[in-house]
C-alpha atoms as a PDB file:
ATOM      1  CA  MET A   1     160.517 169.807  66.642  1.00  0.00           C
ATOM      2  CA  ILE A   2     160.182 168.109  69.848  1.00  0.00           C
ATOM      3  CA  THR A   3     163.838 166.960  71.203  1.00  0.00           C
ATOM      4  CA  PRO A   4     164.070 163.851  73.631  1.00  0.00           C
ATOM      5  CA  LEU A   5     164.668 165.088  77.445  1.00  0.00           C
ATOM      6  CA  ASN A   6     167.659 163.968  77.657  1.00  0.00           C
ATOM      7  CA  GLN A   7     168.945 167.096  75.768  1.00  0.00           C
ATOM      8  CA  ARG A   8     166.804 169.636  77.174  1.00  0.00           C
ATOM      9  CA  PRO A   9     169.352 171.864  79.233  1.00  0.00           C
ATOM     10  CA  ASN A  10     167.140 171.645  82.028  1.00  0.00           C
ATOM     11  CA  PHE A  11     166.400 167.862  82.958  1.00  0.00           C
ATOM     12  CA  GLN A  12     167.990 166.073  85.815  1.00  0.00           C
ATOM     13  CA  ALA A  13     168.626 162.694  85.395  1.00  0.00           C
ATOM     14  CA  ASN A  14     168.466 162.148  89.304  1.00  0.00           C
ATOM     15  CA  THR A  15     164.929 163.939  90.809  1.00  0.00           C
ATOM     16  CA  LEU A  16     164.806 161.771  93.516  1.00  0.00           C
ATOM     17  CA  ASN A  17     165.954 162.934  96.829  1.00  0.00           C
ATOM     18  CA  LYS A  18     168.340 160.322  98.535  1.00  0.00           C
ATOM     19  CA  ASN A  19     167.801 162.264 101.624  1.00  0.00           C
ATOM     20  CA  GLY A  20     164.114 162.005 101.675  1.00  0.00           C
ATOM     21  CA  ASP A  21     164.319 158.128 100.603  1.00  0.00           C
ATOM     22  CA  THR A  22     166.798 157.584 103.622  1.00  0.00           C
ATOM     23  CA  LYS A  23     164.337 158.961 105.985  1.00  0.00           C
ATOM     24  CA  VAL A  24     161.510 157.451 104.534  1.00  0.00           C
ATOM     25  CA  GLU A  25     162.977 153.852 104.560  1.00  0.00           C
ATOM     26  CA  THR A  26     164.030 154.530 108.672  1.00  0.00           C
ATOM     27  CA  GLN A  27     160.383 155.498 109.488  1.00  0.00           C
ATOM     28  CA  SER A  28     158.784 152.497 107.913  1.00  0.00           C
ATOM     29  CA  LYS A  29     162.228 150.526 110.008  1.00  0.00           C
ATOM     30  CA  GLU A  30     160.522 151.836 112.979  1.00  0.00           C
ATOM     31  CA  VAL A  31     157.101 150.978 111.707  1.00  0.00           C
ATOM     32  CA  ARG A  32     157.991 147.892 111.631  1.00  0.00           C
ATOM     33  CA  THR A  33     160.132 147.083 114.738  1.00  0.00           C
ATOM     34  CA  ASN A  34     156.883 149.089 116.969  1.00  0.00           C
ATOM     35  CA  GLU A  35     154.165 146.540 115.463  1.00  0.00           C
ATOM     36  CA  ASN A  36     156.859 143.205 116.129  1.00  0.00           C
ATOM     37  CA  ALA A  37     156.948 144.815 119.367  1.00  0.00           C
ATOM     38  CA  LYS A  38     153.006 145.387 120.097  1.00  0.00           C
ATOM     39  CA  LEU A  39     152.735 141.972 118.102  1.00  0.00           C
ATOM     40  CA  LYS A  40     155.292 140.439 120.902  1.00  0.00           C
ATOM     41  CA  GLU A  41     153.533 141.814 123.680  1.00  0.00           C
ATOM     42  CA  ILE A  42     150.205 140.309 122.629  1.00  0.00           C
ATOM     43  CA  ALA A  43     152.080 136.832 121.925  1.00  0.00           C
ATOM     44  CA  ASP A  44     152.781 136.989 125.440  1.00  0.00           C
ATOM     45  CA  ALA A  45     149.541 137.961 126.748  1.00  0.00           C
ATOM     46  CA  ILE A  46     148.201 135.475 125.297  1.00  0.00           C
ATOM     47  CA  ALA A  47     150.314 132.386 126.301  1.00  0.00           C
ATOM     48  CA  ASN A  48     149.837 133.883 129.426  1.00  0.00           C
ATOM     49  CA  GLY A  49     146.195 133.537 129.357  1.00  0.00           C
ATOM     50  CA  THR A  50     145.865 137.407 130.602  1.00  0.00           C
ATOM     51  CA  TYR A  51     144.830 139.126 127.532  1.00  0.00           C
ATOM     52  CA  GLN A  52     141.687 140.334 127.319  1.00  0.00           C
ATOM     53  CA  VAL A  53     139.715 141.485 124.355  1.00  0.00           C
ATOM     54  CA  ASP A  54     137.586 144.792 124.886  1.00  0.00           C
ATOM     55  CA  ILE A  55     135.089 144.334 122.912  1.00  0.00           C
ATOM     56  CA  SER A  56     132.589 147.774 122.642  1.00  0.00           C
ATOM     57  CA  LYS A  57     136.107 149.296 120.947  1.00  0.00           C
ATOM     58  CA  THR A  58     136.678 145.947 118.819  1.00  0.00           C
ATOM     59  CA  ALA A  59     132.950 146.158 117.885  1.00  0.00           C
ATOM     60  CA  ARG A  60     133.072 149.884 117.140  1.00  0.00           C
ATOM     61  CA  ALA A  61     136.652 149.578 114.935  1.00  0.00           C
ATOM     62  CA  VAL A  62     134.228 147.024 113.131  1.00  0.00           C
ATOM     63  CA  ALA A  63     131.895 149.071 112.332  1.00  0.00           C
ATOM     64  CA  ASP A  64     133.792 151.772 110.958  1.00  0.00           C
ATOM     65  CA  ALA A  65     135.673 149.442 108.584  1.00  0.00           C
ATOM     66  CA  LEU A  66     132.139 148.411 107.337  1.00  0.00           C
ATOM     67  CA  LEU A  67     130.500 151.955 107.004  1.00  0.00           C
END
């Protein structure tokens, strides 16, 4: 006979690591903050007219993405 999981003695209802979840959430907030800062920096450079595109780097990135 198969017993349900909740009746087995080794079953743990909460198997998620709460500390690990918090750490991942904190890291994702830091990434979003960094991305927002980078985006603002690029937007400011475009507004000032000082933004320059590195064509060779962009071409390499596009080629890598396509291959």
